[in-house]
Amino acid sequence: MPALPKAMRTMRIIALPLARPKIPPDQGLKPHAVFNPNRMLIFYHFDLSQSNSVKSQDQSAIKRAVKWVSIKAADLWAGFGKAPEGSWKLRTYELGERIVDRIDFEELALKGVDPSLGPSITHADITGQEGNGVIFSQKQSPREALRIPLIYPPSIYASLPLTSVNEISHPSIVHLRTLLTSREPRHRRGFWMWMAIAPLTAPFLLVPVIPNLPFFFCAWRSWSHYRAYRTSQYLSSLLDHGLIAPEPSWALDQLYASHVPSLSNIESLRSPTAPPRSAASLPVNASNTNNGRPPNDVTTSSSQPGVSNVHKTSQRLLLTRKAIPHILQLFGLPQSSAADMYRAVEQVRGRLGGKSGR
C-alpha cells in the first residue's frame, strides 16, 4: 500500500522478526500461550509522532501529572547511573538494568506506547468529523488518513505456511492479534499481583538512609504491567476497527538478507521445491470491517506451491545485533530505540538455547 502522508501519519508499527516458528509445530501447546515456539518471535517497535497528537494543554491534569512524575523518575534513575564507583546508587542502577534485561521484550515494547499520542478510535475525526485541527482531502476519508502502517520484511512472512484459521488474513496481522491476545491477561494479572505485594515492603521504611527500594520496584513493575495491559487493549481496538494495515518494506527485506546470521538460515526459510510466495499476493487490505480480511480472497495454504513440503528445521536467529544501527538509520529512529532492540535479540538468543550464533 502507498505510504501515508507524513502529516497524517501519527503512528507506525515496525515488525522485526527475530526467529521463525518451530517446524513441525508442537501440537501440545495452547495457541495463545505466552511463550509459544509455534509462533514467530517478533519485536514490534511502535513509532509515535506527536505532530498531530493531543497537545499538552488539552490533556487532563492527571495525564500531565503522570507524565511529570515519569520524567522525574527517569531523570532520577539516570542520575543513579552517574553515581561514583562503589556507591549504593551505582550498584542499584546496575542491578536494575540487569533486571530490565530479563523483562520480556514484548512487555518492554508494549509499555513504551502512550495511547494518548496515537489515533483514537473514539475521537470524532474517526467518524468523519473534523478533529485536532486536521483537514482531510476530499479524496481521502478520515479512516484512510488515520490508517496505521504495519511495516514488515515481505520475504520472511512469505515463507510462512498459512494456517487453517484466518487463512485470508495477512500473517503480520494474525501474529500481532495473537500476541496481544496472549499478553493482555498476563499483564492484567501482573498489575494486580505487584500491587498486592507492594504493601508488604512497608518494614523496609525502617532502614535508614537508603530509600524503600523494594516498594519502588513493586510500584514500577505494577505500573509497567498496567501500561502494557492498556496498550494491548488499545492495539486490539485498532485491529478491530481495521486501522492497522500491512505495508511491505523491500528495504527492510534487503537489510535482513545482508545481516542474517548464516547462509543456511536463509535457505531454511525457503521451500526446498519452490520459491516463497510473493508478498504482493498476500492480503494487505486492512480497511475492511472484518479485521482487515478481504471477503473475496480465496488464498489457502494448499494453493501455495511448496508450502506443504516445508521440511523440519531448527529455530535460529534471523537478525544480528549489527543490523540494529542500520534499522535505526533506515526508519529515522532515535538512538534511544536501540536499547530494547538489543534486549530483544539477546532474549531470543536465550530462548533458542544460545544456538543461533552471530
Protein backbone atom coordinates (compact mmCIF):
# COMPACT_ATOMS: atom_id res chain seq x y z
CA MET A 1 0.00 0.00 0.00
CA PRO A 2 1.26 3.54 -0.60
CA ALA A 3 2.87 5.37 2.25
CA LEU A 4 0.59 7.71 4.14
CA PRO A 5 1.26 11.47 4.06
CA LYS A 6 3.68 12.44 6.77
CA ALA A 7 1.25 14.98 8.20
CA MET A 8 -1.41 12.30 8.64
CA ARG A 9 0.80 9.54 9.99
CA THR A 10 0.63 9.70 13.77
CA MET A 11 1.82 6.14 14.37
CA ARG A 12 3.61 3.33 12.59
CA ILE A 13 4.49 -0.18 13.70
CA ILE A 14 7.74 -1.81 12.59
CA ALA A 15 7.78 -5.60 12.82
CA LEU A 16 11.25 -7.12 13.23
CA PRO A 17 11.08 -10.94 13.08
CA LEU A 18 13.83 -12.47 15.22
CA ALA A 19 13.12 -16.21 14.97
CA ARG A 20 10.83 -18.28 12.80
CA PRO A 21 8.24 -20.68 14.27
CA LYS A 22 9.05 -24.25 15.15
CA ILE A 23 8.63 -26.68 12.25
CA PRO A 24 6.87 -29.03 12.66
CA PRO A 25 4.77 -27.27 15.32
CA ASP A 26 4.26 -28.66 18.79
CA GLN A 27 0.63 -29.78 18.83
CA GLY A 28 0.52 -29.97 22.62
CA LEU A 29 0.82 -26.20 23.17
CA LYS A 30 -2.14 -23.87 23.57
CA PRO A 31 -2.38 -21.40 20.65
CA HIS A 32 -2.47 -18.35 22.96
CA ALA A 33 0.35 -19.42 25.29
CA VAL A 34 2.68 -16.54 26.16
CA PHE A 35 5.84 -18.42 25.19
CA ASN A 36 4.80 -20.43 22.16
CA PRO A 37 7.59 -21.71 19.86
CA ASN A 38 4.93 -22.38 17.22
CA ARG A 39 4.79 -18.61 16.64
CA MET A 40 7.40 -16.40 15.10
CA LEU A 41 9.29 -14.30 17.67
CA ILE A 42 8.87 -10.70 16.57
CA PHE A 43 9.93 -7.43 18.14
CA TYR A 44 7.46 -4.63 17.45
CA HIS A 45 8.71 -1.08 17.52
CA PHE A 46 5.91 1.45 17.91
CA ASP A 47 6.89 4.80 16.45
CA LEU A 48 4.54 7.58 17.52
CA SER A 49 4.70 11.08 16.13
CA GLN A 50 3.49 13.94 18.30
CA SER A 51 2.94 16.34 15.41
CA ASN A 52 -0.81 15.78 15.30
CA SER A 53 -1.29 14.30 18.75
CA VAL A 54 -3.18 15.85 21.60
CA LYS A 55 -1.38 18.96 22.80
CA SER A 56 -0.21 19.20 26.37
CA GLN A 57 -2.69 21.94 27.20
CA ASP A 58 -5.54 19.71 26.01
CA GLN A 59 -4.53 16.83 28.27
CA SER A 60 -6.15 16.26 31.63
CA ALA A 61 -4.41 17.27 34.83
CA ILE A 62 -3.96 13.60 35.74
CA LYS A 63 -2.16 12.84 32.48
CA ARG A 64 0.10 15.86 32.89
CA ALA A 65 0.90 14.81 36.45
CA VAL A 66 1.68 11.24 35.42
CA LYS A 67 3.93 12.50 32.63
CA TRP A 68 5.75 14.82 35.04
CA VAL A 69 6.29 12.01 37.55
CA SER A 70 7.54 9.67 34.80
CA ILE A 71 10.07 12.24 33.59
CA LYS A 72 11.30 12.93 37.12
CA ALA A 73 11.64 9.20 37.85
CA ALA A 74 13.59 8.67 34.62
CA ASP A 75 15.92 11.56 35.45
CA LEU A 76 16.42 10.22 38.98
CA TRP A 77 17.24 6.75 37.66
CA ALA A 78 19.69 8.18 35.12
CA GLY A 79 21.37 10.04 37.97
CA PHE A 80 21.92 6.74 39.77
CA GLY A 81 23.89 5.54 36.75
CA LYS A 82 26.23 8.54 37.05
CA ALA A 83 26.99 7.96 40.72
CA PRO A 84 30.59 7.30 41.85
CA GLU A 85 32.06 3.82 41.59
CA GLY A 86 31.25 1.60 44.55
CA SER A 87 28.32 3.70 45.75
CA TRP A 88 24.98 2.08 46.57
CA LYS A 89 23.32 4.19 43.89
CA LEU A 90 25.52 2.83 41.13
CA ARG A 91 25.16 -0.75 42.41
CA THR A 92 21.38 -0.28 42.49
CA TYR A 93 21.44 1.07 38.95
CA GLU A 94 23.48 -1.86 37.63
CA LEU A 95 21.19 -4.35 39.38
CA GLY A 96 18.13 -2.60 37.99
CA GLU A 97 19.49 -2.69 34.44
CA ARG A 98 20.12 -6.42 34.76
CA ILE A 99 16.52 -6.87 35.92
CA VAL A 100 15.24 -4.87 32.94
CA ASP A 101 17.27 -7.10 30.64
CA ARG A 102 15.28 -10.06 31.95
CA ILE A 103 11.85 -8.50 31.43
CA ASP A 104 10.10 -9.89 28.35
CA PHE A 105 10.92 -7.75 25.34
CA GLU A 106 7.25 -7.94 24.39
CA GLU A 107 6.36 -6.15 27.64
CA LEU A 108 9.07 -3.54 27.14
CA ALA A 109 7.71 -2.74 23.67
CA LEU A 110 4.09 -2.52 24.81
CA LYS A 111 4.71 -0.42 27.91
CA GLY A 112 6.59 2.13 25.82
CA VAL A 113 3.43 3.09 23.94
CA ASP A 114 1.32 6.03 25.10
CA PRO A 115 -2.15 5.52 23.57
CA SER A 116 -2.94 9.21 24.05
CA LEU A 117 -0.32 10.05 21.41
CA GLY A 118 -1.79 7.71 18.80
CA PRO A 119 -5.02 7.89 16.82
CA SER A 120 -8.10 7.49 18.99
CA ILE A 121 -10.91 5.23 17.82
CA THR A 122 -13.37 7.13 19.98
CA HIS A 123 -12.40 10.57 18.68
CA ALA A 124 -14.80 12.45 16.47
CA ASP A 125 -12.44 12.54 13.49
CA ILE A 126 -12.72 8.73 13.14
CA THR A 127 -16.43 9.02 12.39
CA GLY A 128 -15.95 11.65 9.73
CA GLN A 129 -15.97 14.89 11.71
CA GLU A 130 -13.05 17.25 11.92
CA GLY A 131 -10.77 16.88 14.93
CA ASN A 132 -7.38 18.01 16.20
CA GLY A 133 -7.30 20.70 13.52
CA VAL A 134 -6.70 18.15 10.75
CA ILE A 135 -8.32 18.88 7.39
CA PHE A 136 -8.73 15.81 5.20
CA SER A 137 -8.66 15.73 1.44
CA GLN A 138 -11.96 15.21 -0.36
CA LYS A 139 -10.48 12.06 -1.92
CA GLN A 140 -9.27 10.71 1.43
CA SER A 141 -11.60 9.61 4.20
CA PRO A 142 -10.60 10.18 7.85
CA ARG A 143 -10.29 6.42 8.35
CA GLU A 144 -7.85 6.13 5.43
CA ALA A 145 -5.85 9.12 6.69
CA LEU A 146 -5.53 7.60 10.16
CA ARG A 147 -4.58 4.12 8.98
CA ILE A 148 -1.52 2.80 10.81
CA PRO A 149 1.10 1.01 8.66
CA LEU A 150 2.49 -2.28 9.97
CA ILE A 151 5.87 -2.38 8.24
CA TYR A 152 7.38 -5.84 7.74
CA PRO A 153 10.03 -7.68 5.66
CA PRO A 154 7.93 -9.45 2.99
CA SER A 155 10.15 -12.44 2.18
CA ILE A 156 10.21 -13.70 5.78
CA TYR A 157 6.43 -13.58 6.10
CA ALA A 158 6.01 -15.04 2.60
CA SER A 159 7.95 -18.14 3.64
CA LEU A 160 5.43 -18.98 6.37
CA PRO A 161 2.70 -21.54 5.66
CA LEU A 162 -0.82 -20.23 6.14
CA THR A 163 -2.78 -21.82 8.97
CA SER A 164 -6.25 -23.27 8.72
CA VAL A 165 -7.61 -20.39 10.80
CA ASN A 166 -7.82 -16.88 9.33
CA GLU A 167 -6.25 -18.06 6.08
CA ILE A 168 -7.21 -14.90 4.24
CA SER A 169 -5.66 -12.58 6.87
CA HIS A 170 -2.13 -11.38 6.37
CA PRO A 171 0.33 -13.26 8.64
CA SER A 172 1.54 -9.99 10.17
CA ILE A 173 -1.98 -9.12 11.33
CA VAL A 174 -2.60 -12.65 12.60
CA HIS A 175 0.62 -12.67 14.64
CA LEU A 176 0.03 -9.24 16.15
CA ARG A 177 -3.50 -10.14 17.18
CA THR A 178 -2.37 -13.47 18.67
CA LEU A 179 0.42 -11.72 20.59
CA LEU A 180 -1.98 -9.17 22.06
CA THR A 181 -4.47 -11.88 23.00
CA SER A 182 -1.79 -13.77 24.93
CA ARG A 183 -0.20 -10.74 26.60
CA GLU A 184 -3.32 -8.91 27.81
CA PRO A 185 -4.33 -11.33 30.62
CA ARG A 186 -0.70 -11.77 31.64
CA HIS A 187 -0.24 -8.05 32.20
CA ARG A 188 -3.59 -7.71 33.96
CA ARG A 189 -2.53 -10.39 36.45
CA GLY A 190 0.92 -8.81 36.82
CA PHE A 191 -0.58 -5.42 37.62
CA TRP A 192 -2.72 -6.76 40.48
CA MET A 193 -0.01 -9.10 41.77
CA TRP A 194 2.62 -6.39 42.21
CA MET A 195 0.00 -4.04 43.66
CA ALA A 196 -0.73 -6.66 46.31
CA ILE A 197 2.95 -7.21 47.09
CA ALA A 198 3.80 -3.51 47.46
CA PRO A 199 2.26 -3.05 50.98
CA LEU A 200 4.37 -5.97 52.24
CA THR A 201 7.51 -3.85 51.74
CA ALA A 202 6.48 -1.37 54.49
CA PRO A 203 9.05 -2.73 57.02
CA PHE A 204 11.86 -1.57 54.73
CA LEU A 205 10.91 2.00 55.62
CA LEU A 206 12.79 1.45 58.89
CA VAL A 207 16.10 1.09 57.05
CA PRO A 208 17.96 4.41 57.49
CA VAL A 209 19.46 6.48 54.64
CA ILE A 210 18.58 4.06 51.83
CA PRO A 211 15.06 4.59 50.43
CA ASN A 212 12.47 1.81 50.31
CA LEU A 213 13.75 0.28 47.07
CA PRO A 214 11.55 -2.86 47.27
CA PHE A 215 8.43 -0.66 47.36
CA PHE A 216 9.57 1.40 44.39
CA PHE A 217 10.39 -1.79 42.50
CA CYS A 218 6.91 -3.23 43.15
CA ALA A 219 5.29 0.06 42.15
CA TRP A 220 7.36 0.21 38.96
CA ARG A 221 6.56 -3.39 37.99
CA SER A 222 2.86 -2.78 38.62
CA TRP A 223 2.96 0.38 36.52
CA SER A 224 4.86 -1.42 33.75
CA HIS A 225 2.27 -4.20 33.60
CA TYR A 226 -0.54 -1.63 33.62
CA ARG A 227 0.98 0.26 30.69
CA ALA A 228 1.44 -2.96 28.72
CA TYR A 229 -2.11 -4.05 29.55
CA ARG A 230 -3.66 -0.78 28.39
CA THR A 231 -1.55 -0.80 25.23
CA SER A 232 -2.70 -4.36 24.45
CA GLN A 233 -6.31 -3.21 24.75
CA TYR A 234 -5.62 -0.15 22.61
CA LEU A 235 -3.91 -2.06 19.80
CA SER A 236 -6.62 -4.73 19.83
CA SER A 237 -9.21 -1.99 19.35
CA LEU A 238 -7.25 -0.60 16.41
CA LEU A 239 -7.22 -4.06 14.84
CA ASP A 240 -10.95 -4.47 15.44
CA HIS A 241 -11.61 -1.17 13.65
CA GLY A 242 -9.35 -2.09 10.73
CA LEU A 243 -6.92 0.80 11.29
CA ILE A 244 -3.71 -1.29 11.10
CA ALA A 245 -2.66 -2.16 7.56
CA PRO A 246 0.31 -4.36 6.50
CA GLU A 247 2.92 -2.49 4.49
CA PRO A 248 5.85 -4.44 2.99
CA SER A 249 9.27 -2.82 3.12
CA TRP A 250 11.70 -4.09 0.50
CA ALA A 251 14.48 -2.01 2.03
CA LEU A 252 13.99 -3.85 5.33
CA ASP A 253 13.93 -7.10 3.38
CA GLN A 254 17.35 -6.34 1.90
CA LEU A 255 18.66 -5.42 5.33
CA TYR A 256 17.60 -8.84 6.63
CA ALA A 257 19.31 -10.56 3.73
CA SER A 258 22.57 -8.74 4.41
CA HIS A 259 22.59 -9.29 8.19
CA VAL A 260 21.24 -12.79 8.59
CA PRO A 261 23.47 -14.83 10.95
CA SER A 262 24.24 -17.57 8.44
CA LEU A 263 23.51 -18.54 4.86
CA SER A 264 21.94 -21.82 5.98
CA ASN A 265 19.42 -19.83 7.97
CA ILE A 266 18.26 -18.06 4.82
CA GLU A 267 17.96 -21.31 2.91
CA SER A 268 15.96 -22.96 5.71
CA LEU A 269 13.35 -20.22 5.46
CA ARG A 270 12.57 -21.18 1.88
CA SER A 271 10.77 -24.17 0.47
CA PRO A 272 13.10 -26.81 -0.97
CA THR A 273 10.88 -27.26 -4.02
CA ALA A 274 9.77 -23.76 -4.97
CA PRO A 275 10.45 -20.08 -4.23
CA PRO A 276 8.41 -18.46 -1.47
CA ARG A 277 5.06 -16.85 -2.08
CA SER A 278 5.20 -13.31 -3.38
CA ALA A 279 4.44 -10.86 -0.61
CA ALA A 280 2.34 -8.90 -3.06
CA SER A 281 -0.04 -11.86 -3.29
CA LEU A 282 -0.76 -11.74 0.45
CA PRO A 283 -3.87 -9.80 1.52
CA VAL A 284 -2.94 -6.36 2.79
CA ASN A 285 -6.30 -4.59 2.87
CA ALA A 286 -6.93 -3.74 6.49
CA SER A 287 -9.73 -1.23 5.92
CA ASN A 288 -12.47 -3.83 5.67
CA THR A 289 -14.80 -4.29 8.60
CA ASN A 290 -13.77 -7.92 9.05
CA ASN A 291 -10.47 -7.11 10.78
CA GLY A 292 -8.67 -6.49 7.51
CA ARG A 293 -9.83 -9.71 5.81
CA PRO A 294 -10.82 -9.26 2.16
CA PRO A 295 -14.15 -11.03 1.56
CA ASN A 296 -13.26 -12.38 -1.87
CA ASP A 297 -9.75 -13.61 -1.13
CA VAL A 298 -9.62 -17.36 -1.61
CA THR A 299 -5.92 -17.87 -0.92
CA THR A 300 -5.23 -21.03 1.04
CA SER A 301 -2.13 -22.82 2.14
CA SER A 302 -2.91 -25.75 -0.14
CA SER A 303 -2.81 -23.49 -3.21
CA GLN A 304 0.69 -22.26 -2.48
CA PRO A 305 3.43 -24.30 -4.17
CA GLY A 306 5.84 -25.95 -1.81
CA VAL A 307 4.14 -24.90 1.42
CA SER A 308 3.08 -28.44 2.29
CA ASN A 309 6.65 -29.62 1.73
CA VAL A 310 8.26 -27.42 4.36
CA HIS A 311 10.97 -29.55 5.95
CA LYS A 312 11.78 -29.81 9.61
CA THR A 313 14.11 -27.05 10.72
CA SER A 314 15.59 -25.80 13.97
CA GLN A 315 14.80 -22.32 15.24
CA ARG A 316 17.56 -19.80 14.62
CA LEU A 317 18.04 -16.07 14.90
CA LEU A 318 17.02 -14.12 11.80
CA LEU A 319 18.89 -10.93 12.66
CA THR A 320 22.16 -9.92 14.31
CA ARG A 321 22.96 -7.05 16.64
CA LYS A 322 24.97 -5.42 13.85
CA ALA A 323 21.76 -4.78 11.93
CA ILE A 324 20.20 -2.57 14.60
CA PRO A 325 22.11 0.66 13.74
CA HIS A 326 21.08 0.19 10.11
CA ILE A 327 17.44 -0.26 11.17
CA LEU A 328 17.58 3.00 13.10
CA GLN A 329 19.02 4.75 10.06
CA LEU A 330 16.52 3.19 7.66
CA PHE A 331 13.46 4.39 9.59
CA GLY A 332 14.95 7.55 11.10
CA LEU A 333 14.63 6.29 14.69
CA PRO A 334 16.43 7.85 17.66
CA GLN A 335 19.36 6.08 19.28
CA SER A 336 17.26 5.51 22.40
CA SER A 337 15.21 2.98 20.42
CA ALA A 338 18.21 0.65 20.12
CA ALA A 339 18.25 -0.47 23.76
CA ASP A 340 15.04 -2.51 23.60
CA MET A 341 16.05 -3.94 20.20
CA TYR A 342 19.33 -5.20 21.63
CA ARG A 343 17.48 -6.69 24.59
CA ALA A 344 15.05 -8.44 22.25
CA VAL A 345 17.87 -10.01 20.20
CA GLU A 346 19.64 -11.29 23.31
CA GLN A 347 16.43 -12.62 24.87
CA VAL A 348 15.53 -14.51 21.70
CA ARG A 349 19.06 -15.89 21.63
CA GLY A 350 18.49 -17.16 25.16
CA ARG A 351 15.07 -18.63 24.38
CA LEU A 352 16.60 -20.55 21.50
CA GLY A 353 19.24 -22.01 23.80
CA GLY A 354 22.11 -19.91 22.50
CA LYS A 355 22.43 -22.00 19.34
CA SER A 356 21.79 -19.20 16.89
CA GLY A 357 25.22 -17.74 16.50
CA ARG A 358 26.04 -14.26 15.27
